[in-house]
Amino acid sequence: MVSRTERIDGFYRKVSRTEKELYELFRKTEEAGVATQMRAWFDEAKGGPDGIRLNHQELRSRLEKYVEDWISQTCETKHLDPEWITRAKEAIFHRVRTMMAQVLREALSGLP
């Protein structure tokens, strides 16, 4: 019998095939743009004369709004009910938080 749930690498819950497809679509189309935005925000925070001034809550709310907007637009385009993809949303937010930590480490260490 074919499993109706699938795993996403690095995420602790099983998701439906539709949720995994949505997650993979985010990774293919939006992940690079989100990372570029984060790098710009971190560079802006490092550029101040007082050292690093990073408002973590503002950054997190910007990212959440960006992801929420992308999910709502994609659900509308693909005719999906947003209530049915809650685990995909969690997985995308998990991925974005992981990316934020990675980009922050890169920005603070001075790596490209």
Foldseek 3Di string as FASTA:
>chain_A
DDDQWDDDPPDDDTHGPVLVVVLVVCVVPPPVVLLVVLLVLQVVQQPDPVGGDDDVVVNLVVVLVVLVVVVVVVCVVVVHDPVRNVVSSVVNSVVSVVSNVVSNVCSVVVHD
